[in-house]
Amino acid sequence: MIDIRKITYKPVAVLEDGTQLDISRAAEDLGWEEGEGELALRLSFTVHNAKYQGKYLSQLIKPGCVVAIICDWGDGTEEVARGTIVDWDTNRSGSADTFSVLAYDELFSFQQSQDNRYITAGTGTKAALSALFGDWGIPLGEYKGPDVPHAKTLYKNEYLSDITADLLDTAHKQGGPKAFLRAAKGSVSVLPLGGNETIYHFDEDTTLEVTQDKISTQNLVTRVKVVGKEDSSGRQAAEAIIDGKTEYGIRQRIYNRQEDDSLATAKAEAQKIIDEEGEPETSISFQAPDVPPIRKGDKIHAATRSRTGFFLVKSIQHNAANGSMTMGVEPTE
């Protein structure tokens, strides 16, 4: 049980010699976040450039050093974020002497690195991902994702984030659970979406400070007309009509069937357009007092004036400075 009144945040820097330095009294503007469409967690803060054992902190806390955030909420202490410093920026003006840092977790290398990978026919999802982690020196934590045999696949000059996403998506299409990568405490786990055991509840009348819920049908496609090649008069006959959510009105796209495409192939492509662009766009966000252990990929429960039910966390920003968090969420299926 979390008591938000008792939450404390302790940023710790691991120096080159292995010293774990508590910089709580020197750090400010502390926060960490996981963005939608981003693989790695990032954390940031500003440090007052005080001295420690005769050296300025800016001489000790440098790019390549690991920083971690330890939280205590009255029911135990836990590391909730960890990253390696990639940006370091000093700022001295008059008596003010500070420096800011930006750090990312182990999955940052997957966002930034490309590779050529050949997946042999029959390779399991776990084996393919484990090989990637091993080549990049990242320990594998829990594996609760899909493990199905893959067809022969060649990835050329692909980012590792895209390779892993494709492997997990392909496995899901073959019947495996939806899964994602999460770095924590120095290792990477493959976990099912919304598979967290502890599910936190938020209520608009008590714990939700700001709610935003938007539904838009402006860009909706509700019908795709498949047309064939032009006749001598330049006309194109309709060969198929694929309907989606026409209750919102007719928002039609044209799909031109190529000569070497069968009608079945063209209809499948038209259905793909409906699948990708045929749902209303939703945008839901909640702002609440901070619950440090909540991460992207977790499931929560919330009750608002417009919706009540379970939601999947798509993005999250923890702000230790004011003890709040903002979550981008979507209803679970």
C-alpha atoms as a PDB file:
ATOM      1  CA  MET A   1       0.000   0.000   0.000  1.00  0.00           C
ATOM      2  CA  ILE A   2       1.426   3.382  -1.005  1.00  0.00           C
ATOM      3  CA  ASP A   3       1.076   6.373   1.284  1.00  0.00           C
ATOM      4  CA  ILE A   4       1.760   9.367  -0.962  1.00  0.00           C
ATOM      5  CA  ARG A   5       2.480  11.490   2.093  1.00  0.00           C
ATOM      6  CA  LYS A   6       5.512   9.357   2.913  1.00  0.00           C
ATOM      7  CA  ILE A   7       7.176   9.180  -0.501  1.00  0.00           C
ATOM      8  CA  THR A   8      10.845  10.134  -0.553  1.00  0.00           C
ATOM      9  CA  TYR A   9      13.171  10.196  -3.554  1.00  0.00           C
ATOM     10  CA  LYS A  10      16.893   9.483  -3.347  1.00  0.00           C
ATOM     11  CA  PRO A  11      19.021   9.931  -6.467  1.00  0.00           C
ATOM     12  CA  VAL A  12      22.253   7.959  -6.234  1.00  0.00           C
ATOM     13  CA  ALA A  13      25.270   8.360  -8.511  1.00  0.00           C
ATOM     14  CA  VAL A  14      27.649   5.438  -8.974  1.00  0.00           C
ATOM     15  CA  LEU A  15      31.115   6.932  -9.423  1.00  0.00           C
ATOM     16  CA  GLU A  16      33.976   5.480 -11.462  1.00  0.00           C
ATOM     17  CA  ASP A  17      35.484   3.801  -8.380  1.00  0.00           C
ATOM     18  CA  GLY A  18      32.152   2.163  -7.507  1.00  0.00           C
ATOM     19  CA  THR A  19      31.208   4.608  -4.745  1.00  0.00           C
ATOM     20  CA  GLN A  20      27.441   5.021  -4.418  1.00  0.00           C
ATOM     21  CA  LEU A  21      26.946   8.694  -3.666  1.00  0.00           C
ATOM     22  CA  ASP A  22      23.611   9.944  -2.316  1.00  0.00           C
ATOM     23  CA  ILE A  23      23.074  13.322  -4.010  1.00  0.00           C
ATOM     24  CA  SER A  24      19.590  14.041  -2.615  1.00  0.00           C
ATOM     25  CA  ARG A  25      20.680  17.313  -1.017  1.00  0.00           C
ATOM     26  CA  ALA A  26      22.361  18.548  -4.197  1.00  0.00           C
ATOM     27  CA  ALA A  27      19.849  17.456  -6.850  1.00  0.00           C
ATOM     28  CA  GLU A  28      16.724  19.260  -7.980  1.00  0.00           C
ATOM     29  CA  ASP A  29      14.174  19.056 -10.822  1.00  0.00           C
ATOM     30  CA  LEU A  30      14.336  15.277 -10.560  1.00  0.00           C
ATOM     31  CA  GLY A  31      12.172  13.299 -12.958  1.00  0.00           C
ATOM     32  CA  TRP A  32      12.042  10.219 -15.158  1.00  0.00           C
ATOM     33  CA  GLU A  33       9.789   9.194 -18.012  1.00  0.00           C
ATOM     34  CA  GLU A  34       8.929   6.575 -20.592  1.00  0.00           C
ATOM     35  CA  GLY A  35       7.511   8.031 -23.792  1.00  0.00           C
ATOM     36  CA  GLU A  36       5.077   6.462 -26.211  1.00  0.00           C
ATOM     37  CA  GLY A  37       6.967   5.052 -29.156  1.00  0.00           C
ATOM     38  CA  GLU A  38      10.260   5.160 -27.219  1.00  0.00           C
ATOM     39  CA  LEU A  39      12.043   2.070 -25.986  1.00  0.00           C
ATOM     40  CA  ALA A  40      14.297   3.427 -23.236  1.00  0.00           C
ATOM     41  CA  LEU A  41      13.500   5.121 -19.937  1.00  0.00           C
ATOM     42  CA  ARG A  42      15.214   8.464 -19.453  1.00  0.00           C
ATOM     43  CA  LEU A  43      15.860  10.381 -16.272  1.00  0.00           C
ATOM     44  CA  SER A  44      17.085  13.906 -15.700  1.00  0.00           C
ATOM     45  CA  PHE A  45      17.955  16.315 -12.912  1.00  0.00           C
ATOM     46  CA  THR A  46      20.101  19.327 -12.060  1.00  0.00           C
ATOM     47  CA  VAL A  47      22.938  19.195  -9.526  1.00  0.00           C
ATOM     48  CA  HIS A  48      24.320  22.007  -7.418  1.00  0.00           C
ATOM     49  CA  ASN A  49      28.045  21.737  -7.994  1.00  0.00           C
ATOM     50  CA  ALA A  50      29.139  21.264  -4.389  1.00  0.00           C
ATOM     51  CA  LYS A  51      32.371  19.611  -3.340  1.00  0.00           C
ATOM     52  CA  TYR A  52      32.742  15.992  -2.196  1.00  0.00           C
ATOM     53  CA  GLN A  53      36.050  14.910  -0.662  1.00  0.00           C
ATOM     54  CA  GLY A  54      37.799  17.915  -2.184  1.00  0.00           C
ATOM     55  CA  LYS A  55      36.387  17.556  -5.714  1.00  0.00           C
ATOM     56  CA  TYR A  56      33.458  19.243  -7.392  1.00  0.00           C
ATOM     57  CA  LEU A  57      30.541  16.933  -8.133  1.00  0.00           C
ATOM     58  CA  SER A  58      30.861  17.814 -11.827  1.00  0.00           C
ATOM     59  CA  GLN A  59      34.302  16.164 -11.732  1.00  0.00           C
ATOM     60  CA  LEU A  60      32.841  12.971 -10.295  1.00  0.00           C
ATOM     61  CA  ILE A  61      29.433  12.619 -11.965  1.00  0.00           C
ATOM     62  CA  LYS A  62      30.236  12.437 -15.666  1.00  0.00           C
ATOM     63  CA  PRO A  63      29.040  10.804 -18.903  1.00  0.00           C
ATOM     64  CA  GLY A  64      29.265   7.047 -18.493  1.00  0.00           C
ATOM     65  CA  CYS A  65      28.385   7.110 -14.791  1.00  0.00           C
ATOM     66  CA  VAL A  66      25.269   5.279 -13.652  1.00  0.00           C
ATOM     67  CA  VAL A  67      22.549   7.092 -11.718  1.00  0.00           C
ATOM     68  CA  ALA A  68      19.591   5.489  -9.988  1.00  0.00           C
ATOM     69  CA  ILE A  69      16.473   6.713  -8.219  1.00  0.00           C
ATOM     70  CA  ILE A  70      15.571   4.971  -4.975  1.00  0.00           C
ATOM     71  CA  CYS A  71      12.084   5.571  -3.581  1.00  0.00           C
ATOM     72  CA  ASP A  72      10.590   4.926  -0.181  1.00  0.00           C
ATOM     73  CA  TRP A  73       6.792   5.197   0.211  1.00  0.00           C
ATOM     74  CA  GLY A  74       6.416   3.929   3.752  1.00  0.00           C
ATOM     75  CA  ASP A  75       6.245   0.251   2.819  1.00  0.00           C
ATOM     76  CA  GLY A  76       9.770  -0.587   1.750  1.00  0.00           C
ATOM     77  CA  THR A  77      12.468   0.903  -0.440  1.00  0.00           C
ATOM     78  CA  GLU A  78      12.830   0.179  -4.144  1.00  0.00           C
ATOM     79  CA  GLU A  79      14.891   1.272  -7.123  1.00  0.00           C
ATOM     80  CA  VAL A  80      12.411   2.683  -9.660  1.00  0.00           C
ATOM     81  CA  ALA A  81      14.717   4.014 -12.383  1.00  0.00           C
ATOM     82  CA  ARG A  82      18.317   3.602 -13.515  1.00  0.00           C
ATOM     83  CA  GLY A  83      20.311   5.013 -16.385  1.00  0.00           C
ATOM     84  CA  THR A  84      23.753   5.833 -17.724  1.00  0.00           C
ATOM     85  CA  ILE A  85      24.565   9.513 -18.236  1.00  0.00           C
ATOM     86  CA  VAL A  86      24.708  10.485 -21.917  1.00  0.00           C
ATOM     87  CA  ASP A  87      24.370  14.298 -21.640  1.00  0.00           C
ATOM     88  CA  TRP A  88      26.285  16.458 -19.138  1.00  0.00           C
ATOM     89  CA  ASP A  89      25.972  20.236 -19.212  1.00  0.00           C
ATOM     90  CA  THR A  90      27.531  22.718 -16.787  1.00  0.00           C
ATOM     91  CA  ASN A  91      26.160  26.192 -16.178  1.00  0.00           C
ATOM     92  CA  ARG A  92      27.998  28.718 -14.028  1.00  0.00           C
ATOM     93  CA  SER A  93      26.680  32.251 -13.709  1.00  0.00           C
ATOM     94  CA  GLY A  94      27.798  34.464 -10.867  1.00  0.00           C
ATOM     95  CA  SER A  95      27.362  32.536  -7.627  1.00  0.00           C
ATOM     96  CA  ALA A  96      25.176  29.891  -9.286  1.00  0.00           C
ATOM     97  CA  ASP A  97      27.140  26.789 -10.232  1.00  0.00           C
ATOM     98  CA  THR A  98      25.109  23.839 -11.450  1.00  0.00           C
ATOM     99  CA  PHE A  99      25.201  21.085 -14.016  1.00  0.00           C
ATOM    100  CA  SER A 100      22.409  19.038 -15.561  1.00  0.00           C
ATOM    101  CA  VAL A 101      22.450  15.393 -16.564  1.00  0.00           C
ATOM    102  CA  LEU A 102      20.363  13.218 -18.844  1.00  0.00           C
ATOM    103  CA  ALA A 103      20.569   9.443 -18.532  1.00  0.00           C
ATOM    104  CA  TYR A 104      18.999   6.471 -20.310  1.00  0.00           C
ATOM    105  CA  ASP A 105      18.572   2.846 -19.325  1.00  0.00           C
ATOM    106  CA  GLU A 106      20.086  -0.199 -21.044  1.00  0.00           C
ATOM    107  CA  LEU A 107      17.602  -0.126 -23.937  1.00  0.00           C
ATOM    108  CA  PHE A 108      19.016   3.175 -25.207  1.00  0.00           C
ATOM    109  CA  SER A 109      21.649   1.228 -27.142  1.00  0.00           C
ATOM    110  CA  PHE A 110      18.815  -0.619 -28.917  1.00  0.00           C
ATOM    111  CA  GLN A 111      17.295   2.711 -29.949  1.00  0.00           C
ATOM    112  CA  GLN A 112      20.601   3.993 -31.289  1.00  0.00           C
ATOM    113  CA  SER A 113      22.156   0.885 -32.855  1.00  0.00           C
ATOM    114  CA  GLN A 114      21.660  -0.764 -36.240  1.00  0.00           C
ATOM    115  CA  ASP A 115      22.599  -4.273 -37.223  1.00  0.00           C
ATOM    116  CA  ASN A 116      22.223  -6.942 -39.887  1.00  0.00           C
ATOM    117  CA  ARG A 117      20.594 -10.065 -38.459  1.00  0.00           C
ATOM    118  CA  TYR A 118      19.721 -13.360 -40.078  1.00  0.00           C
ATOM    119  CA  ILE A 119      17.086 -15.403 -38.269  1.00  0.00           C
ATOM    120  CA  THR A 120      17.215 -19.013 -39.387  1.00  0.00           C
ATOM    121  CA  ALA A 121      13.946 -20.859 -39.954  1.00  0.00           C
ATOM    122  CA  GLY A 122      12.607 -22.376 -36.753  1.00  0.00           C
ATOM    123  CA  THR A 123      14.435 -20.013 -34.375  1.00  0.00           C
ATOM    124  CA  GLY A 124      12.283 -19.267 -31.340  1.00  0.00           C
ATOM    125  CA  THR A 125      11.426 -15.745 -30.253  1.00  0.00           C
ATOM    126  CA  LYS A 126      13.269 -16.120 -26.951  1.00  0.00           C
ATOM    127  CA  ALA A 127      16.409 -17.441 -28.622  1.00  0.00           C
ATOM    128  CA  ALA A 128      16.415 -14.631 -31.214  1.00  0.00           C
ATOM    129  CA  LEU A 129      15.999 -11.936 -28.579  1.00  0.00           C
ATOM    130  CA  SER A 130      18.480 -13.544 -26.184  1.00  0.00           C
ATOM    131  CA  ALA A 131      21.102 -13.503 -28.941  1.00  0.00           C
ATOM    132  CA  LEU A 132      20.543  -9.777 -29.431  1.00  0.00           C
ATOM    133  CA  PHE A 133      20.842  -9.047 -25.720  1.00  0.00           C
ATOM    134  CA  GLY A 134      23.982 -11.197 -25.502  1.00  0.00           C
ATOM    135  CA  ASP A 135      25.683  -9.465 -28.416  1.00  0.00           C
ATOM    136  CA  TRP A 136      25.098  -6.095 -26.740  1.00  0.00           C
ATOM    137  CA  GLY A 137      26.157  -7.313 -23.304  1.00  0.00           C
ATOM    138  CA  ILE A 138      22.738  -6.808 -21.721  1.00  0.00           C
ATOM    139  CA  PRO A 139      21.685  -9.392 -19.099  1.00  0.00           C
ATOM    140  CA  LEU A 140      18.301 -11.023 -19.702  1.00  0.00           C
ATOM    141  CA  GLY A 141      15.974 -10.788 -16.714  1.00  0.00           C
ATOM    142  CA  GLU A 142      12.516 -12.346 -16.769  1.00  0.00           C
ATOM    143  CA  TYR A 143      11.185 -13.822 -19.985  1.00  0.00           C
ATOM    144  CA  LYS A 144       7.382 -13.967 -19.990  1.00  0.00           C
ATOM    145  CA  GLY A 145       6.878 -13.137 -23.639  1.00  0.00           C
ATOM    146  CA  PRO A 146       5.950 -15.295 -26.625  1.00  0.00           C
ATOM    147  CA  ASP A 147       8.226 -18.070 -27.832  1.00  0.00           C
ATOM    148  CA  VAL A 148       7.165 -19.308 -31.256  1.00  0.00           C
ATOM    149  CA  PRO A 149       9.264 -20.558 -34.203  1.00  0.00           C
ATOM    150  CA  HIS A 150       9.994 -17.853 -36.776  1.00  0.00           C
ATOM    151  CA  ALA A 151      10.340 -18.125 -40.528  1.00  0.00           C
ATOM    152  CA  LYS A 152      13.682 -17.353 -42.148  1.00  0.00           C
ATOM    153  CA  THR A 153      14.080 -13.589 -41.801  1.00  0.00           C
ATOM    154  CA  LEU A 154      16.789 -11.176 -42.878  1.00  0.00           C
ATOM    155  CA  TYR A 155      17.117  -7.738 -41.286  1.00  0.00           C
ATOM    156  CA  LYS A 156      19.441  -5.354 -43.138  1.00  0.00           C
ATOM    157  CA  ASN A 157      20.641  -2.097 -41.570  1.00  0.00           C
ATOM    158  CA  GLU A 158      17.729  -2.185 -39.123  1.00  0.00           C
ATOM    159  CA  TYR A 159      17.632  -0.520 -35.707  1.00  0.00           C
ATOM    160  CA  LEU A 160      17.566  -3.071 -32.902  1.00  0.00           C
ATOM    161  CA  SER A 161      14.405  -1.467 -31.546  1.00  0.00           C
ATOM    162  CA  ASP A 162      12.681  -2.210 -34.865  1.00  0.00           C
ATOM    163  CA  ILE A 163      14.031  -5.758 -34.997  1.00  0.00           C
ATOM    164  CA  THR A 164      12.775  -6.577 -31.517  1.00  0.00           C
ATOM    165  CA  ALA A 165       9.409  -4.950 -32.201  1.00  0.00           C
ATOM    166  CA  ASP A 166       9.023  -6.976 -35.405  1.00  0.00           C
ATOM    167  CA  LEU A 167       9.956 -10.245 -33.682  1.00  0.00           C
ATOM    168  CA  LEU A 168       7.447  -9.667 -30.890  1.00  0.00           C
ATOM    169  CA  ASP A 169       4.734  -8.512 -33.292  1.00  0.00           C
ATOM    170  CA  THR A 170       5.259 -11.533 -35.537  1.00  0.00           C
ATOM    171  CA  ALA A 171       5.094 -13.839 -32.523  1.00  0.00           C
ATOM    172  CA  HIS A 172       1.866 -12.189 -31.372  1.00  0.00           C
ATOM    173  CA  LYS A 173       0.301 -12.708 -34.810  1.00  0.00           C
ATOM    174  CA  GLN A 174       1.131 -16.382 -34.444  1.00  0.00           C
ATOM    175  CA  GLY A 175      -0.860 -16.604 -31.228  1.00  0.00           C
ATOM    176  CA  GLY A 176       1.623 -15.447 -28.608  1.00  0.00           C
ATOM    177  CA  PRO A 177       0.815 -12.763 -26.017  1.00  0.00           C
ATOM    178  CA  LYS A 178       1.460  -9.088 -26.677  1.00  0.00           C
ATOM    179  CA  ALA A 179       4.785  -8.322 -25.043  1.00  0.00           C
ATOM    180  CA  PHE A 180       7.331  -5.543 -24.655  1.00  0.00           C
ATOM    181  CA  LEU A 181      10.858  -4.904 -23.405  1.00  0.00           C
ATOM    182  CA  ARG A 182      11.551  -3.301 -20.043  1.00  0.00           C
ATOM    183  CA  ALA A 183      14.894  -2.492 -18.465  1.00  0.00           C
ATOM    184  CA  ALA A 184      15.142  -2.542 -14.673  1.00  0.00           C
ATOM    185  CA  LYS A 185      18.052  -2.776 -12.248  1.00  0.00           C
ATOM    186  CA  GLY A 186      20.592  -3.444 -14.964  1.00  0.00           C
ATOM    187  CA  SER A 187      18.829  -6.154 -16.968  1.00  0.00           C
ATOM    188  CA  VAL A 188      16.134  -6.329 -19.633  1.00  0.00           C
ATOM    189  CA  SER A 189      12.960  -8.389 -19.310  1.00  0.00           C
ATOM    190  CA  VAL A 190      10.366  -9.424 -21.866  1.00  0.00           C
ATOM    191  CA  LEU A 191       6.968  -9.008 -20.253  1.00  0.00           C
ATOM    192  CA  PRO A 192       3.309  -9.291 -21.281  1.00  0.00           C
ATOM    193  CA  LEU A 193       1.490  -5.971 -21.679  1.00  0.00           C
ATOM    194  CA  GLY A 194      -0.633  -5.270 -18.627  1.00  0.00           C
ATOM    195  CA  GLY A 195       0.796  -8.263 -16.795  1.00  0.00           C
ATOM    196  CA  ASN A 196       1.600  -6.467 -13.536  1.00  0.00           C
ATOM    197  CA  GLU A 197       0.328  -8.193 -10.377  1.00  0.00           C
ATOM    198  CA  THR A 198      -0.359  -4.982  -8.423  1.00  0.00           C
ATOM    199  CA  ILE A 199      -3.005  -2.829 -10.129  1.00  0.00           C
ATOM    200  CA  TYR A 200      -3.452   0.686  -8.747  1.00  0.00           C
ATOM    201  CA  HIS A 201      -6.862   2.377  -8.733  1.00  0.00           C
ATOM    202  CA  PHE A 202      -7.448   6.081  -9.435  1.00  0.00           C
ATOM    203  CA  ASP A 203     -10.671   7.984  -8.960  1.00  0.00           C
ATOM    204  CA  GLU A 204     -11.566  11.366 -10.422  1.00  0.00           C
ATOM    205  CA  ASP A 205     -13.180  12.459  -7.161  1.00  0.00           C
ATOM    206  CA  THR A 206     -10.164  11.641  -5.010  1.00  0.00           C
ATOM    207  CA  THR A 207      -6.797  10.859  -6.646  1.00  0.00           C
ATOM    208  CA  LEU A 208      -7.044  12.081 -10.237  1.00  0.00           C
ATOM    209  CA  GLU A 209      -6.132  15.765 -10.304  1.00  0.00           C
ATOM    210  CA  VAL A 210      -6.455  16.303 -14.077  1.00  0.00           C
ATOM    211  CA  THR A 211      -8.134  14.119 -16.695  1.00  0.00           C
ATOM    212  CA  GLN A 212      -8.164  14.607 -20.451  1.00  0.00           C
ATOM    213  CA  ASP A 213     -10.257  12.427 -22.759  1.00  0.00           C
ATOM    214  CA  LYS A 214     -10.533  13.182 -26.472  1.00  0.00           C
ATOM    215  CA  ILE A 215     -12.202  11.237 -29.279  1.00  0.00           C
ATOM    216  CA  SER A 216     -11.831  12.403 -32.875  1.00  0.00           C
ATOM    217  CA  THR A 217     -13.293  11.025 -36.111  1.00  0.00           C
ATOM    218  CA  GLN A 218     -11.803  13.739 -38.331  1.00  0.00           C
ATOM    219  CA  ASN A 219      -9.304  11.428 -40.045  1.00  0.00           C
ATOM    220  CA  LEU A 220     -11.488   8.335 -40.067  1.00  0.00           C
ATOM    221  CA  VAL A 221     -11.691   6.115 -43.162  1.00  0.00           C
ATOM    222  CA  THR A 222     -14.968   4.190 -43.247  1.00  0.00           C
ATOM    223  CA  ARG A 223     -15.013   2.830 -46.804  1.00  0.00           C
ATOM    224  CA  VAL A 224     -12.423   1.740 -49.354  1.00  0.00           C
ATOM    225  CA  LYS A 225     -13.459   1.288 -52.989  1.00  0.00           C
ATOM    226  CA  VAL A 226     -11.304  -1.052 -55.049  1.00  0.00           C
ATOM    227  CA  VAL A 227     -11.207  -0.016 -58.711  1.00  0.00           C
ATOM    228  CA  GLY A 228      -9.693  -1.711 -61.749  1.00  0.00           C
ATOM    229  CA  LYS A 229      -7.714  -0.344 -64.651  1.00  0.00           C
ATOM    230  CA  GLU A 230      -9.117   2.372 -66.897  1.00  0.00           C
ATOM    231  CA  ASP A 231     -11.162   1.501 -69.967  1.00  0.00           C
ATOM    232  CA  SER A 232     -10.855   3.286 -73.299  1.00  0.00           C
ATOM    233  CA  SER A 233     -12.911   6.183 -71.920  1.00  0.00           C
ATOM    234  CA  GLY A 234     -10.733   6.585 -68.853  1.00  0.00           C
ATOM    235  CA  ARG A 235     -13.338   5.153 -66.485  1.00  0.00           C
ATOM    236  CA  GLN A 236     -12.515   2.714 -63.721  1.00  0.00           C
ATOM    237  CA  ALA A 237     -15.079   0.154 -62.656  1.00  0.00           C
ATOM    238  CA  ALA A 238     -15.642  -0.535 -58.952  1.00  0.00           C
ATOM    239  CA  GLU A 239     -14.603  -4.127 -58.232  1.00  0.00           C
ATOM    240  CA  ALA A 240     -15.165  -4.257 -54.480  1.00  0.00           C
ATOM    241  CA  ILE A 241     -16.368  -2.146 -51.564  1.00  0.00           C
ATOM    242  CA  ILE A 242     -14.830  -2.680 -48.120  1.00  0.00           C
ATOM    243  CA  ASP A 243     -16.838  -0.994 -45.358  1.00  0.00           C
ATOM    244  CA  GLY A 244     -15.722  -0.095 -41.880  1.00  0.00           C
ATOM    245  CA  LYS A 245     -17.525   2.074 -39.318  1.00  0.00           C
ATOM    246  CA  THR A 246     -19.953   3.683 -41.779  1.00  0.00           C
ATOM    247  CA  GLU A 247     -22.151   4.752 -38.871  1.00  0.00           C
ATOM    248  CA  TYR A 248     -19.857   7.791 -38.740  1.00  0.00           C
ATOM    249  CA  GLY A 249     -20.655   8.590 -42.359  1.00  0.00           C
ATOM    250  CA  ILE A 250     -18.960   7.677 -45.615  1.00  0.00           C
ATOM    251  CA  ARG A 251     -15.270   8.685 -45.608  1.00  0.00           C
ATOM    252  CA  GLN A 252     -14.019   6.950 -48.714  1.00  0.00           C
ATOM    253  CA  ARG A 253     -10.588   6.050 -50.053  1.00  0.00           C
ATOM    254  CA  ILE A 254      -9.825   4.633 -53.499  1.00  0.00           C
ATOM    255  CA  TYR A 255      -7.531   1.652 -53.933  1.00  0.00           C
ATOM    256  CA  ASN A 256      -6.300   1.107 -57.479  1.00  0.00           C
ATOM    257  CA  ARG A 257      -5.810  -2.570 -58.220  1.00  0.00           C
ATOM    258  CA  GLN A 258      -2.659  -3.195 -60.189  1.00  0.00           C
ATOM    259  CA  GLU A 259      -2.709  -5.537 -63.171  1.00  0.00           C
ATOM    260  CA  ASP A 260      -0.503  -8.090 -61.437  1.00  0.00           C
ATOM    261  CA  ASP A 261      -2.641  -8.035 -58.256  1.00  0.00           C
ATOM    262  CA  SER A 262      -5.501 -10.453 -57.793  1.00  0.00           C
ATOM    263  CA  LEU A 263      -8.837  -9.113 -56.588  1.00  0.00           C
ATOM    264  CA  ALA A 264      -8.309 -11.003 -53.316  1.00  0.00           C
ATOM    265  CA  THR A 265      -4.963  -9.248 -52.795  1.00  0.00           C
ATOM    266  CA  ALA A 266      -6.508  -5.858 -53.534  1.00  0.00           C
ATOM    267  CA  LYS A 267      -9.357  -6.506 -51.107  1.00  0.00           C
ATOM    268  CA  ALA A 268      -6.857  -7.517 -48.437  1.00  0.00           C
ATOM    269  CA  GLU A 269      -4.961  -4.251 -48.946  1.00  0.00           C
ATOM    270  CA  ALA A 270      -8.224  -2.308 -48.738  1.00  0.00           C
ATOM    271  CA  GLN A 271      -9.073  -4.083 -45.488  1.00  0.00           C
ATOM    272  CA  LYS A 272      -5.638  -3.162 -44.182  1.00  0.00           C
ATOM    273  CA  ILE A 273      -6.466   0.517 -44.746  1.00  0.00           C
ATOM    274  CA  ILE A 274      -9.701   0.083 -42.778  1.00  0.00           C
ATOM    275  CA  ASP A 275      -7.831  -1.728 -39.985  1.00  0.00           C
ATOM    276  CA  GLU A 276      -5.188   1.004 -39.742  1.00  0.00           C
ATOM    277  CA  GLU A 277      -7.315   4.112 -40.271  1.00  0.00           C
ATOM    278  CA  GLY A 278     -10.835   2.997 -39.513  1.00  0.00           C
ATOM    279  CA  GLU A 279     -10.998   3.604 -35.758  1.00  0.00           C
ATOM    280  CA  PRO A 280     -11.699   6.929 -34.026  1.00  0.00           C
ATOM    281  CA  GLU A 281      -8.548   8.511 -32.620  1.00  0.00           C
ATOM    282  CA  THR A 282      -8.519   8.609 -28.835  1.00  0.00           C
ATOM    283  CA  SER A 283      -6.263  10.529 -26.474  1.00  0.00           C
ATOM    284  CA  ILE A 284      -6.583   9.937 -22.727  1.00  0.00           C
ATOM    285  CA  SER A 285      -4.286  11.233 -20.023  1.00  0.00           C
ATOM    286  CA  PHE A 286      -4.413  11.270 -16.235  1.00  0.00           C
ATOM    287  CA  GLN A 287      -2.465  13.426 -13.805  1.00  0.00           C
ATOM    288  CA  ALA A 288      -2.284  12.211 -10.229  1.00  0.00           C
ATOM    289  CA  PRO A 289      -0.070  12.159  -7.148  1.00  0.00           C
ATOM    290  CA  ASP A 290       3.038  10.166  -7.965  1.00  0.00           C
ATOM    291  CA  VAL A 291       3.049   6.397  -7.617  1.00  0.00           C
ATOM    292  CA  PRO A 292       6.747   5.690  -8.272  1.00  0.00           C
ATOM    293  CA  PRO A 293       6.570   1.983  -9.243  1.00  0.00           C
ATOM    294  CA  ILE A 294       4.087   2.487 -12.111  1.00  0.00           C
ATOM    295  CA  ARG A 295       5.753   2.073 -15.493  1.00  0.00           C
ATOM    296  CA  LYS A 296       4.834   2.060 -19.153  1.00  0.00           C
ATOM    297  CA  GLY A 297       3.192  -1.240 -20.064  1.00  0.00           C
ATOM    298  CA  ASP A 298       1.413  -1.570 -16.698  1.00  0.00           C
ATOM    299  CA  LYS A 299      -2.329  -1.883 -16.258  1.00  0.00           C
ATOM    300  CA  ILE A 300      -4.216   0.485 -13.947  1.00  0.00           C
ATOM    301  CA  HIS A 301      -7.866   0.945 -13.005  1.00  0.00           C
ATOM    302  CA  ALA A 302      -9.571   4.338 -13.088  1.00  0.00           C
ATOM    303  CA  ALA A 303     -13.014   5.818 -12.636  1.00  0.00           C
ATOM    304  CA  THR A 304     -13.791   9.114 -14.363  1.00  0.00           C
ATOM    305  CA  ARG A 305     -16.991  10.858 -15.424  1.00  0.00           C
ATOM    306  CA  SER A 306     -16.582   9.523 -18.961  1.00  0.00           C
ATOM    307  CA  ARG A 307     -14.969   6.107 -18.428  1.00  0.00           C
ATOM    308  CA  THR A 308     -14.543   3.450 -15.768  1.00  0.00           C
ATOM    309  CA  GLY A 309     -12.401   0.399 -16.262  1.00  0.00           C
ATOM    310  CA  PHE A 310      -8.900  -0.881 -16.852  1.00  0.00           C
ATOM    311  CA  PHE A 311      -6.334   1.092 -18.815  1.00  0.00           C
ATOM    312  CA  LEU A 312      -2.912   0.338 -20.250  1.00  0.00           C
ATOM    313  CA  VAL A 313      -0.178   2.894 -19.547  1.00  0.00           C
ATOM    314  CA  LYS A 314       1.274   4.005 -22.921  1.00  0.00           C
ATOM    315  CA  SER A 315       3.531   6.746 -21.532  1.00  0.00           C
ATOM    316  CA  ILE A 316       4.368   8.110 -18.103  1.00  0.00           C
ATOM    317  CA  GLN A 317       6.261  11.060 -16.614  1.00  0.00           C
ATOM    318  CA  HIS A 318       7.230  11.025 -12.943  1.00  0.00           C
ATOM    319  CA  ASN A 319       7.947  14.454 -11.454  1.00  0.00           C
ATOM    320  CA  ALA A 320       9.670  14.124  -8.098  1.00  0.00           C
ATOM    321  CA  ALA A 321       9.904  17.903  -7.723  1.00  0.00           C
ATOM    322  CA  ASN A 322       6.164  18.246  -7.124  1.00  0.00           C
ATOM    323  CA  GLY A 323       5.295  14.623  -6.375  1.00  0.00           C
ATOM    324  CA  SER A 324       3.053  14.128  -9.387  1.00  0.00           C
ATOM    325  CA  MET A 325       2.859  11.926 -12.467  1.00  0.00           C
ATOM    326  CA  THR A 326       1.160  12.166 -15.848  1.00  0.00           C
ATOM    327  CA  MET A 327       0.070   9.030 -17.678  1.00  0.00           C
ATOM    328  CA  GLY A 328      -1.015   8.603 -21.269  1.00  0.00           C
ATOM    329  CA  VAL A 329      -3.375   5.622 -21.273  1.00  0.00           C
ATOM    330  CA  GLU A 330      -5.694   3.585 -23.469  1.00  0.00           C
ATOM    331  CA  PRO A 331      -8.610   1.330 -22.481  1.00  0.00           C
ATOM    332  CA  THR A 332      -7.716  -2.346 -22.415  1.00  0.00           C
ATOM    333  CA  GLU A 333      -9.544  -4.692 -24.721  1.00  0.00           C
END
